[in-house]
Amino acid sequence: MATEKKDRRSIYLQRKKDGLCPRCGAKKRKSYKFSYCEDCRLFFRNYNREVSENINKVRKDRYDERKENRQCPRCGKSLGKKYKKIICASCLEKQYQYNYGK
């Protein structure tokens, strides 16, 4: 397998031009509308699912920990005892700007 970025790119482009799967080089059917073969697509699908699940678990744990410690779940800034909202004022302002553009 080519280790240089330039070599890998040229192999990718050549395989794609020849109608092969760019990742593994397997032959694809002519009517197949995707660049990658079914096995490589399944690999990418499962890989992305695993990465997403891991990231979501870490974010959820951090959110729960910050909320439990009376911190803003987004930025981690400490919230006062009398502060009633879950998210701090600066994060709320950013969210309002994003949603309403005001």
PDB file of N, CA and C in Angstrom:
ATOM      1  N   MET A   1       0.848  -1.187   0.000  1.00  0.00           N
ATOM      2  CA  MET A   1       0.000   0.000   0.000  1.00  0.00           C
ATOM      3  C   MET A   1       0.886   1.239   0.000  1.00  0.00           C
ATOM      4  N   ALA A   2       0.486   2.208  -0.760  1.00  0.00           N
ATOM      5  CA  ALA A   2       1.251   3.454  -0.869  1.00  0.00           C
ATOM      6  C   ALA A   2       1.146   4.246   0.435  1.00  0.00           C
ATOM      7  N   THR A   3       2.261   4.794   0.862  1.00  0.00           N
ATOM      8  CA  THR A   3       2.258   5.549   2.107  1.00  0.00           C
ATOM      9  C   THR A   3       2.240   7.049   1.876  1.00  0.00           C
ATOM     10  N   GLU A   4       2.740   7.491   0.765  1.00  0.00           N
ATOM     11  CA  GLU A   4       2.759   8.919   0.454  1.00  0.00           C
ATOM     12  C   GLU A   4       1.354   9.388   0.073  1.00  0.00           C
ATOM     13  N   LYS A   5       1.007  10.567   0.519  1.00  0.00           N
ATOM     14  CA  LYS A   5      -0.310  11.118   0.246  1.00  0.00           C
ATOM     15  C   LYS A   5      -0.557  11.250  -1.262  1.00  0.00           C
ATOM     16  N   LYS A   6       0.453  11.699  -1.971  1.00  0.00           N
ATOM     17  CA  LYS A   6       0.343  11.878  -3.423  1.00  0.00           C
ATOM     18  C   LYS A   6       0.088  10.540  -4.121  1.00  0.00           C
ATOM     19  N   ASP A   7       0.772   9.484  -3.657  1.00  0.00           N
ATOM     20  CA  ASP A   7       0.594   8.156  -4.246  1.00  0.00           C
ATOM     21  C   ASP A   7      -0.802   7.611  -3.978  1.00  0.00           C
ATOM     22  N   ARG A   8      -1.256   7.777  -2.750  1.00  0.00           N
ATOM     23  CA  ARG A   8      -2.608   7.296  -2.417  1.00  0.00           C
ATOM     24  C   ARG A   8      -3.658   8.013  -3.244  1.00  0.00           C
ATOM     25  N   ARG A   9      -3.482   9.302  -3.434  1.00  0.00           N
ATOM     26  CA  ARG A   9      -4.437  10.086  -4.224  1.00  0.00           C
ATOM     27  C   ARG A   9      -4.457   9.612  -5.674  1.00  0.00           C
ATOM     28  N   SER A  10      -3.288   9.360  -6.236  1.00  0.00           N
ATOM     29  CA  SER A  10      -3.234   8.910  -7.629  1.00  0.00           C
ATOM     30  C   SER A  10      -3.872   7.525  -7.779  1.00  0.00           C
ATOM     31  N   ILE A  11      -3.657   6.638  -6.788  1.00  0.00           N
ATOM     32  CA  ILE A  11      -4.295   5.317  -6.824  1.00  0.00           C
ATOM     33  C   ILE A  11      -5.805   5.470  -6.731  1.00  0.00           C
ATOM     34  N   TYR A  12      -6.268   6.325  -5.823  1.00  0.00           N
ATOM     35  CA  TYR A  12      -7.702   6.584  -5.669  1.00  0.00           C
ATOM     36  C   TYR A  12      -8.310   7.050  -6.985  1.00  0.00           C
ATOM     37  N   LEU A  13      -7.688   8.036  -7.624  1.00  0.00           N
ATOM     38  CA  LEU A  13      -8.226   8.584  -8.871  1.00  0.00           C
ATOM     39  C   LEU A  13      -8.192   7.556  -9.999  1.00  0.00           C
ATOM     40  N   GLN A  14      -7.138   6.764 -10.051  1.00  0.00           N
ATOM     41  CA  GLN A  14      -7.042   5.750 -11.099  1.00  0.00           C
ATOM     42  C   GLN A  14      -8.115   4.676 -10.921  1.00  0.00           C
ATOM     43  N   ARG A  15      -8.306   4.217  -9.708  1.00  0.00           N
ATOM     44  CA  ARG A  15      -9.345   3.203  -9.450  1.00  0.00           C
ATOM     45  C   ARG A  15     -10.724   3.755  -9.770  1.00  0.00           C
ATOM     46  N   LYS A  16     -10.968   4.996  -9.384  1.00  0.00           N
ATOM     47  CA  LYS A  16     -12.268   5.606  -9.642  1.00  0.00           C
ATOM     48  C   LYS A  16     -12.510   5.733 -11.145  1.00  0.00           C
ATOM     49  N   LYS A  17     -11.483   6.119 -11.875  1.00  0.00           N
ATOM     50  CA  LYS A  17     -11.582   6.261 -13.327  1.00  0.00           C
ATOM     51  C   LYS A  17     -11.853   4.912 -13.996  1.00  0.00           C
ATOM     52  N   ASP A  18     -11.255   3.844 -13.451  1.00  0.00           N
ATOM     53  CA  ASP A  18     -11.419   2.506 -14.011  1.00  0.00           C
ATOM     54  C   ASP A  18     -12.726   1.843 -13.598  1.00  0.00           C
ATOM     55  N   GLY A  19     -13.514   2.505 -12.755  1.00  0.00           N
ATOM     56  CA  GLY A  19     -14.791   1.949 -12.331  1.00  0.00           C
ATOM     57  C   GLY A  19     -14.656   0.957 -11.192  1.00  0.00           C
ATOM     58  N   LEU A  20     -13.568   1.035 -10.447  1.00  0.00           N
ATOM     59  CA  LEU A  20     -13.346   0.160  -9.304  1.00  0.00           C
ATOM     60  C   LEU A  20     -13.635   0.915  -8.014  1.00  0.00           C
ATOM     61  N   CYS A  21     -13.743   0.161  -6.939  1.00  0.00           N
ATOM     62  CA  CYS A  21     -13.907   0.785  -5.630  1.00  0.00           C
ATOM     63  C   CYS A  21     -12.594   1.488  -5.287  1.00  0.00           C
ATOM     64  N   PRO A  22     -12.623   2.783  -4.961  1.00  0.00           N
ATOM     65  CA  PRO A  22     -11.392   3.523  -4.664  1.00  0.00           C
ATOM     66  C   PRO A  22     -10.653   3.023  -3.431  1.00  0.00           C
ATOM     67  N   ARG A  23     -11.343   2.390  -2.495  1.00  0.00           N
ATOM     68  CA  ARG A  23     -10.709   1.954  -1.253  1.00  0.00           C
ATOM     69  C   ARG A  23     -10.033   0.598  -1.392  1.00  0.00           C
ATOM     70  N   CYS A  24     -10.764  -0.392  -1.927  1.00  0.00           N
ATOM     71  CA  CYS A  24     -10.215  -1.748  -1.961  1.00  0.00           C
ATOM     72  C   CYS A  24      -9.863  -2.232  -3.366  1.00  0.00           C
ATOM     73  N   GLY A  25     -10.367  -1.572  -4.398  1.00  0.00           N
ATOM     74  CA  GLY A  25     -10.054  -1.961  -5.763  1.00  0.00           C
ATOM     75  C   GLY A  25     -10.960  -3.048  -6.323  1.00  0.00           C
ATOM     76  N   ALA A  26     -12.024  -3.382  -5.611  1.00  0.00           N
ATOM     77  CA  ALA A  26     -12.948  -4.419  -6.093  1.00  0.00           C
ATOM     78  C   ALA A  26     -13.769  -3.887  -7.260  1.00  0.00           C
ATOM     79  N   LYS A  27     -14.143  -4.803  -8.145  1.00  0.00           N
ATOM     80  CA  LYS A  27     -14.952  -4.418  -9.293  1.00  0.00           C
ATOM     81  C   LYS A  27     -16.382  -4.145  -8.846  1.00  0.00           C
ATOM     82  N   LYS A  28     -16.993  -3.112  -9.412  1.00  0.00           N
ATOM     83  CA  LYS A  28     -18.380  -2.765  -9.102  1.00  0.00           C
ATOM     84  C   LYS A  28     -19.232  -3.009 -10.329  1.00  0.00           C
ATOM     85  N   ARG A  29     -20.534  -3.172 -10.096  1.00  0.00           N
ATOM     86  CA  ARG A  29     -21.464  -3.304 -11.218  1.00  0.00           C
ATOM     87  C   ARG A  29     -21.569  -1.977 -11.949  1.00  0.00           C
ATOM     88  N   LYS A  30     -21.845  -2.017 -13.218  1.00  0.00           N
ATOM     89  CA  LYS A  30     -21.959  -0.793 -14.032  1.00  0.00           C
ATOM     90  C   LYS A  30     -23.105   0.095 -13.555  1.00  0.00           C
ATOM     91  N   SER A  31     -24.191  -0.529 -13.118  1.00  0.00           N
ATOM     92  CA  SER A  31     -25.369   0.242 -12.717  1.00  0.00           C
ATOM     93  C   SER A  31     -25.275   0.767 -11.286  1.00  0.00           C
ATOM     94  N   TYR A  32     -24.200   0.450 -10.585  1.00  0.00           N
ATOM     95  CA  TYR A  32     -24.035   0.867  -9.196  1.00  0.00           C
ATOM     96  C   TYR A  32     -23.750   2.361  -9.151  1.00  0.00           C
ATOM     97  N   LYS A  33     -24.556   3.105  -8.386  1.00  0.00           N
ATOM     98  CA  LYS A  33     -24.453   4.565  -8.408  1.00  0.00           C
ATOM     99  C   LYS A  33     -23.466   5.140  -7.397  1.00  0.00           C
ATOM    100  N   PHE A  34     -22.893   4.309  -6.529  1.00  0.00           N
ATOM    101  CA  PHE A  34     -21.972   4.784  -5.504  1.00  0.00           C
ATOM    102  C   PHE A  34     -20.530   4.567  -5.932  1.00  0.00           C
ATOM    103  N   SER A  35     -19.619   5.365  -5.398  1.00  0.00           N
ATOM    104  CA  SER A  35     -18.199   5.234  -5.715  1.00  0.00           C
ATOM    105  C   SER A  35     -17.589   4.007  -5.053  1.00  0.00           C
ATOM    106  N   TYR A  36     -18.023   3.708  -3.827  1.00  0.00           N
ATOM    107  CA  TYR A  36     -17.444   2.614  -3.062  1.00  0.00           C
ATOM    108  C   TYR A  36     -18.314   1.365  -3.181  1.00  0.00           C
ATOM    109  N   CYS A  37     -17.677   0.190  -3.071  1.00  0.00           N
ATOM    110  CA  CYS A  37     -18.411  -1.070  -3.119  1.00  0.00           C
ATOM    111  C   CYS A  37     -19.245  -1.218  -1.843  1.00  0.00           C
ATOM    112  N   GLU A  38     -20.119  -2.210  -1.836  1.00  0.00           N
ATOM    113  CA  GLU A  38     -21.033  -2.397  -0.709  1.00  0.00           C
ATOM    114  C   GLU A  38     -20.265  -2.720   0.582  1.00  0.00           C
ATOM    115  N   ASP A  39     -19.204  -3.505   0.496  1.00  0.00           N
ATOM    116  CA  ASP A  39     -18.425  -3.852   1.691  1.00  0.00           C
ATOM    117  C   ASP A  39     -17.765  -2.611   2.304  1.00  0.00           C
ATOM    118  N   CYS A  40     -17.187  -1.763   1.471  1.00  0.00           N
ATOM    119  CA  CYS A  40     -16.534  -0.549   1.976  1.00  0.00           C
ATOM    120  C   CYS A  40     -17.565   0.432   2.526  1.00  0.00           C
ATOM    121  N   ARG A  41     -18.717   0.516   1.896  1.00  0.00           N
ATOM    122  CA  ARG A  41     -19.774   1.397   2.404  1.00  0.00           C
ATOM    123  C   ARG A  41     -20.246   0.914   3.766  1.00  0.00           C
ATOM    124  N   LEU A  42     -20.364  -0.403   3.927  1.00  0.00           N
ATOM    125  CA  LEU A  42     -20.760  -0.971   5.209  1.00  0.00           C
ATOM    126  C   LEU A  42     -19.697  -0.683   6.272  1.00  0.00           C
ATOM    127  N   PHE A  43     -18.425  -0.790   5.889  1.00  0.00           N
ATOM    128  CA  PHE A  43     -17.330  -0.474   6.814  1.00  0.00           C
ATOM    129  C   PHE A  43     -17.426   0.976   7.283  1.00  0.00           C
ATOM    130  N   PHE A  44     -17.581   1.918   6.350  1.00  0.00           N
ATOM    131  CA  PHE A  44     -17.670   3.335   6.703  1.00  0.00           C
ATOM    132  C   PHE A  44     -18.903   3.607   7.565  1.00  0.00           C
ATOM    133  N   ARG A  45     -20.018   2.986   7.220  1.00  0.00           N
ATOM    134  CA  ARG A  45     -21.257   3.191   7.966  1.00  0.00           C
ATOM    135  C   ARG A  45     -21.073   2.747   9.415  1.00  0.00           C
ATOM    136  N   ASN A  46     -20.512   1.560   9.619  1.00  0.00           N
ATOM    137  CA  ASN A  46     -20.307   1.051  10.984  1.00  0.00           C
ATOM    138  C   ASN A  46     -19.262   1.861  11.735  1.00  0.00           C
ATOM    139  N   TYR A  47     -18.203   2.253  11.057  1.00  0.00           N
ATOM    140  CA  TYR A  47     -17.151   3.040  11.695  1.00  0.00           C
ATOM    141  C   TYR A  47     -17.717   4.377  12.171  1.00  0.00           C
ATOM    142  N   ASN A  48     -18.466   5.052  11.317  1.00  0.00           N
ATOM    143  CA  ASN A  48     -19.039   6.346  11.687  1.00  0.00           C
ATOM    144  C   ASN A  48     -20.038   6.199  12.821  1.00  0.00           C
ATOM    145  N   ARG A  49     -20.788   5.112  12.833  1.00  0.00           N
ATOM    146  CA  ARG A  49     -21.764   4.884  13.896  1.00  0.00           C
ATOM    147  C   ARG A  49     -21.048   4.714  15.230  1.00  0.00           C
ATOM    148  N   GLU A  50     -19.969   3.933  15.254  1.00  0.00           N
ATOM    149  CA  GLU A  50     -19.214   3.718  16.485  1.00  0.00           C
ATOM    150  C   GLU A  50     -18.613   5.019  17.009  1.00  0.00           C
ATOM    151  N   VAL A  51     -18.034   5.802  16.131  1.00  0.00           N
ATOM    152  CA  VAL A  51     -17.423   7.070  16.527  1.00  0.00           C
ATOM    153  C   VAL A  51     -18.489   8.022  17.065  1.00  0.00           C
ATOM    154  N   SER A  52     -19.634   8.100  16.387  1.00  0.00           N
ATOM    155  CA  SER A  52     -20.708   8.992  16.818  1.00  0.00           C
ATOM    156  C   SER A  52     -21.259   8.579  18.174  1.00  0.00           C
ATOM    157  N   GLU A  53     -21.449   7.282  18.385  1.00  0.00           N
ATOM    158  CA  GLU A  53     -21.964   6.815  19.666  1.00  0.00           C
ATOM    159  C   GLU A  53     -20.999   7.159  20.797  1.00  0.00           C
ATOM    160  N   ASN A  54     -19.717   7.009  20.547  1.00  0.00           N
ATOM    161  CA  ASN A  54     -18.711   7.324  21.563  1.00  0.00           C
ATOM    162  C   ASN A  54     -18.713   8.815  21.887  1.00  0.00           C
ATOM    163  N   ILE A  55     -18.739   9.646  20.861  1.00  0.00           N
ATOM    164  CA  ILE A  55     -18.759  11.096  21.065  1.00  0.00           C
ATOM    165  C   ILE A  55     -20.011  11.516  21.815  1.00  0.00           C
ATOM    166  N   ASN A  56     -21.173  10.967  21.438  1.00  0.00           N
ATOM    167  CA  ASN A  56     -22.422  11.325  22.101  1.00  0.00           C
ATOM    168  C   ASN A  56     -22.420  10.911  23.564  1.00  0.00           C
ATOM    169  N   LYS A  57     -21.836   9.746  23.873  1.00  0.00           N
ATOM    170  CA  LYS A  57     -21.768   9.292  25.261  1.00  0.00           C
ATOM    171  C   LYS A  57     -20.907  10.244  26.091  1.00  0.00           C
ATOM    172  N   VAL A  58     -19.764  10.654  25.554  1.00  0.00           N
ATOM    173  CA  VAL A  58     -18.876  11.572  26.269  1.00  0.00           C
ATOM    174  C   VAL A  58     -19.582  12.905  26.500  1.00  0.00           C
ATOM    175  N   ARG A  59     -20.263  13.420  25.481  1.00  0.00           N
ATOM    176  CA  ARG A  59     -20.975  14.703  25.621  1.00  0.00           C
ATOM    177  C   ARG A  59     -22.096  14.608  26.648  1.00  0.00           C
ATOM    178  N   LYS A  60     -22.838  13.506  26.635  1.00  0.00           N
ATOM    179  CA  LYS A  60     -23.945  13.325  27.575  1.00  0.00           C
ATOM    180  C   LYS A  60     -23.416  13.247  29.004  1.00  0.00           C
ATOM    181  N   ASP A  61     -22.319  12.514  29.207  1.00  0.00           N
ATOM    182  CA  ASP A  61     -21.729  12.412  30.542  1.00  0.00           C
ATOM    183  C   ASP A  61     -21.254  13.775  31.039  1.00  0.00           C
ATOM    184  N   ARG A  62     -20.599  14.545  30.176  1.00  0.00           N
ATOM    185  CA  ARG A  62     -20.120  15.873  30.552  1.00  0.00           C
ATOM    186  C   ARG A  62     -21.301  16.797  30.873  1.00  0.00           C
ATOM    187  N   TYR A  63     -22.365  16.731  30.072  1.00  0.00           N
ATOM    188  CA  TYR A  63     -23.568  17.536  30.303  1.00  0.00           C
ATOM    189  C   TYR A  63     -24.158  17.218  31.671  1.00  0.00           C
ATOM    190  N   ASP A  64     -24.328  15.926  31.964  1.00  0.00           N
ATOM    191  CA  ASP A  64     -24.912  15.521  33.242  1.00  0.00           C
ATOM    192  C   ASP A  64     -24.040  15.943  34.422  1.00  0.00           C
ATOM    193  N   GLU A  65     -22.730  15.804  34.285  1.00  0.00           N
ATOM    194  CA  GLU A  65     -21.817  16.180  35.364  1.00  0.00           C
ATOM    195  C   GLU A  65     -21.867  17.682  35.624  1.00  0.00           C
ATOM    196  N   ARG A  66     -21.850  18.469  34.568  1.00  0.00           N
ATOM    197  CA  ARG A  66     -21.902  19.925  34.733  1.00  0.00           C
ATOM    198  C   ARG A  66     -23.229  20.369  35.327  1.00  0.00           C
ATOM    199  N   LYS A  67     -24.312  19.763  34.884  1.00  0.00           N
ATOM    200  CA  LYS A  67     -25.631  20.131  35.393  1.00  0.00           C
ATOM    201  C   LYS A  67     -25.739  19.797  36.891  1.00  0.00           C
ATOM    202  N   GLU A  68     -25.178  18.672  37.263  1.00  0.00           N
ATOM    203  CA  GLU A  68     -25.197  18.253  38.657  1.00  0.00           C
ATOM    204  C   GLU A  68     -24.370  19.191  39.543  1.00  0.00           C
ATOM    205  N   ASN A  69     -23.301  19.755  39.002  1.00  0.00           N
ATOM    206  CA  ASN A  69     -22.422  20.652  39.755  1.00  0.00           C
ATOM    207  C   ASN A  69     -22.805  22.122  39.628  1.00  0.00           C
ATOM    208  N   ARG A  70     -24.011  22.413  39.142  1.00  0.00           N
ATOM    209  CA  ARG A  70     -24.500  23.785  38.973  1.00  0.00           C
ATOM    210  C   ARG A  70     -23.575  24.595  38.062  1.00  0.00           C
ATOM    211  N   GLN A  71     -23.213  24.015  36.934  1.00  0.00           N
ATOM    212  CA  GLN A  71     -22.406  24.699  35.939  1.00  0.00           C
ATOM    213  C   GLN A  71     -23.215  24.755  34.644  1.00  0.00           C
ATOM    214  N   CYS A  72     -22.862  25.704  33.804  1.00  0.00           N
ATOM    215  CA  CYS A  72     -23.480  25.776  32.485  1.00  0.00           C
ATOM    216  C   CYS A  72     -23.049  24.535  31.696  1.00  0.00           C
ATOM    217  N   PRO A  73     -23.995  23.760  31.160  1.00  0.00           N
ATOM    218  CA  PRO A  73     -23.640  22.539  30.430  1.00  0.00           C
ATOM    219  C   PRO A  73     -22.852  22.801  29.147  1.00  0.00           C
ATOM    220  N   ARG A  74     -22.935  24.001  28.619  1.00  0.00           N
ATOM    221  CA  ARG A  74     -22.240  24.305  27.368  1.00  0.00           C
ATOM    222  C   ARG A  74     -20.808  24.757  27.584  1.00  0.00           C
ATOM    223  N   CYS A  75     -20.608  25.742  28.466  1.00  0.00           N
ATOM    224  CA  CYS A  75     -19.267  26.319  28.625  1.00  0.00           C
ATOM    225  C   CYS A  75     -18.599  25.934  29.941  1.00  0.00           C
ATOM    226  N   GLY A  76     -19.372  25.437  30.906  1.00  0.00           N
ATOM    227  CA  GLY A  76     -18.793  25.020  32.179  1.00  0.00           C
ATOM    228  C   GLY A  76     -18.672  26.121  33.212  1.00  0.00           C
ATOM    229  N   LYS A  77     -19.181  27.314  32.891  1.00  0.00           N
ATOM    230  CA  LYS A  77     -19.113  28.434  33.841  1.00  0.00           C
ATOM    231  C   LYS A  77     -20.016  28.133  35.036  1.00  0.00           C
ATOM    232  N   SER A  78     -19.549  28.462  36.228  1.00  0.00           N
ATOM    233  CA  SER A  78     -20.303  28.210  37.444  1.00  0.00           C
ATOM    234  C   SER A  78     -21.529  29.134  37.501  1.00  0.00           C
ATOM    235  N   LEU A  79     -22.668  28.561  37.865  1.00  0.00           N
ATOM    236  CA  LEU A  79     -23.915  29.335  37.984  1.00  0.00           C
ATOM    237  C   LEU A  79     -24.168  29.637  39.449  1.00  0.00           C
ATOM    238  N   GLY A  80     -24.722  30.813  39.717  1.00  0.00           N
ATOM    239  CA  GLY A  80     -25.017  31.208  41.086  1.00  0.00           C
ATOM    240  C   GLY A  80     -26.151  30.392  41.683  1.00  0.00           C
ATOM    241  N   LYS A  81     -26.274  30.432  43.005  1.00  0.00           N
ATOM    242  CA  LYS A  81     -27.317  29.660  43.688  1.00  0.00           C
ATOM    243  C   LYS A  81     -28.717  30.167  43.353  1.00  0.00           C
ATOM    244  N   LYS A  82     -28.837  31.482  43.142  1.00  0.00           N
ATOM    245  CA  LYS A  82     -30.154  32.057  42.859  1.00  0.00           C
ATOM    246  C   LYS A  82     -30.501  32.034  41.370  1.00  0.00           C
ATOM    247  N   TYR A  83     -29.557  31.665  40.535  1.00  0.00           N
ATOM    248  CA  TYR A  83     -29.780  31.620  39.085  1.00  0.00           C
ATOM    249  C   TYR A  83     -30.698  30.444  38.779  1.00  0.00           C
ATOM    250  N   LYS A  84     -31.828  30.697  38.141  1.00  0.00           N
ATOM    251  CA  LYS A  84     -32.867  29.685  37.942  1.00  0.00           C
ATOM    252  C   LYS A  84     -32.709  28.882  36.653  1.00  0.00           C
ATOM    253  N   LYS A  85     -32.057  29.448  35.663  1.00  0.00           N
ATOM    254  CA  LYS A  85     -31.963  28.778  34.368  1.00  0.00           C
ATOM    255  C   LYS A  85     -30.820  27.774  34.361  1.00  0.00           C
ATOM    256  N   ILE A  86     -30.869  26.852  33.422  1.00  0.00           N
ATOM    257  CA  ILE A  86     -29.847  25.809  33.325  1.00  0.00           C
ATOM    258  C   ILE A  86     -28.612  26.331  32.602  1.00  0.00           C
ATOM    259  N   ILE A  87     -28.799  27.164  31.579  1.00  0.00           N
ATOM    260  CA  ILE A  87     -27.709  27.667  30.749  1.00  0.00           C
ATOM    261  C   ILE A  87     -27.368  29.089  31.190  1.00  0.00           C
ATOM    262  N   CYS A  88     -26.078  29.430  31.187  1.00  0.00           N
ATOM    263  CA  CYS A  88     -25.649  30.761  31.631  1.00  0.00           C
ATOM    264  C   CYS A  88     -26.137  31.847  30.661  1.00  0.00           C
ATOM    265  N   ALA A  89     -26.076  33.089  31.107  1.00  0.00           N
ATOM    266  CA  ALA A  89     -26.608  34.211  30.332  1.00  0.00           C
ATOM    267  C   ALA A  89     -25.866  34.405  29.010  1.00  0.00           C
ATOM    268  N   SER A  90     -24.551  34.261  29.015  1.00  0.00           N
ATOM    269  CA  SER A  90     -23.801  34.469  27.766  1.00  0.00           C
ATOM    270  C   SER A  90     -24.122  33.387  26.735  1.00  0.00           C
ATOM    271  N   CYS A  91     -24.270  32.137  27.169  1.00  0.00           N
ATOM    272  CA  CYS A  91     -24.630  31.061  26.231  1.00  0.00           C
ATOM    273  C   CYS A  91     -26.064  31.235  25.729  1.00  0.00           C
ATOM    274  N   LEU A  92     -26.940  31.708  26.613  1.00  0.00           N
ATOM    275  CA  LEU A  92     -28.320  31.982  26.182  1.00  0.00           C
ATOM    276  C   LEU A  92     -28.350  33.079  25.132  1.00  0.00           C
ATOM    277  N   GLU A  93     -27.556  34.110  25.349  1.00  0.00           N
ATOM    278  CA  GLU A  93     -27.495  35.219  24.382  1.00  0.00           C
ATOM    279  C   GLU A  93     -26.988  34.725  23.028  1.00  0.00           C
ATOM    280  N   LYS A  94     -25.957  33.894  23.060  1.00  0.00           N
ATOM    281  CA  LYS A  94     -25.443  33.330  21.807  1.00  0.00           C
ATOM    282  C   LYS A  94     -26.514  32.515  21.096  1.00  0.00           C
ATOM    283  N   GLN A  95     -27.271  31.739  21.871  1.00  0.00           N
ATOM    284  CA  GLN A  95     -28.329  30.913  21.289  1.00  0.00           C
ATOM    285  C   GLN A  95     -29.437  31.780  20.693  1.00  0.00           C
ATOM    286  N   TYR A  96     -29.829  32.840  21.382  1.00  0.00           N
ATOM    287  CA  TYR A  96     -30.831  33.756  20.836  1.00  0.00           C
ATOM    288  C   TYR A  96     -30.338  34.415  19.556  1.00  0.00           C
ATOM    289  N   GLN A  97     -29.068  34.815  19.544  1.00  0.00           N
ATOM    290  CA  GLN A  97     -28.488  35.420  18.323  1.00  0.00           C
ATOM    291  C   GLN A  97     -28.541  34.439  17.171  1.00  0.00           C
ATOM    292  N   TYR A  98     -28.183  33.190  17.449  1.00  0.00           N
ATOM    293  CA  TYR A  98     -28.177  32.172  16.409  1.00  0.00           C
ATOM    294  C   TYR A  98     -29.587  31.907  15.887  1.00  0.00           C
ATOM    295  N   ASN A  99     -30.542  31.792  16.820  1.00  0.00           N
ATOM    296  CA  ASN A  99     -31.918  31.459  16.421  1.00  0.00           C
ATOM    297  C   ASN A  99     -32.653  32.622  15.764  1.00  0.00           C
ATOM    298  N   TYR A 100     -32.503  33.812  16.331  1.00  0.00           N
ATOM    299  CA  TYR A 100     -33.328  34.943  15.891  1.00  0.00           C
ATOM    300  C   TYR A 100     -32.549  36.041  15.193  1.00  0.00           C
ATOM    301  N   GLY A 101     -31.230  36.007  15.252  1.00  0.00           N
ATOM    302  CA  GLY A 101     -30.404  37.004  14.575  1.00  0.00           C
ATOM    303  C   GLY A 101     -30.519  38.395  15.130  1.00  0.00           C
ATOM    304  N   LYS A 102     -30.868  38.506  16.401  1.00  0.00           N
ATOM    305  CA  LYS A 102     -31.026  39.825  17.008  1.00  0.00           C
ATOM    306  C   LYS A 102     -29.772  40.226  17.728  1.00  0.00           C
TER     307      LYS A 102
END
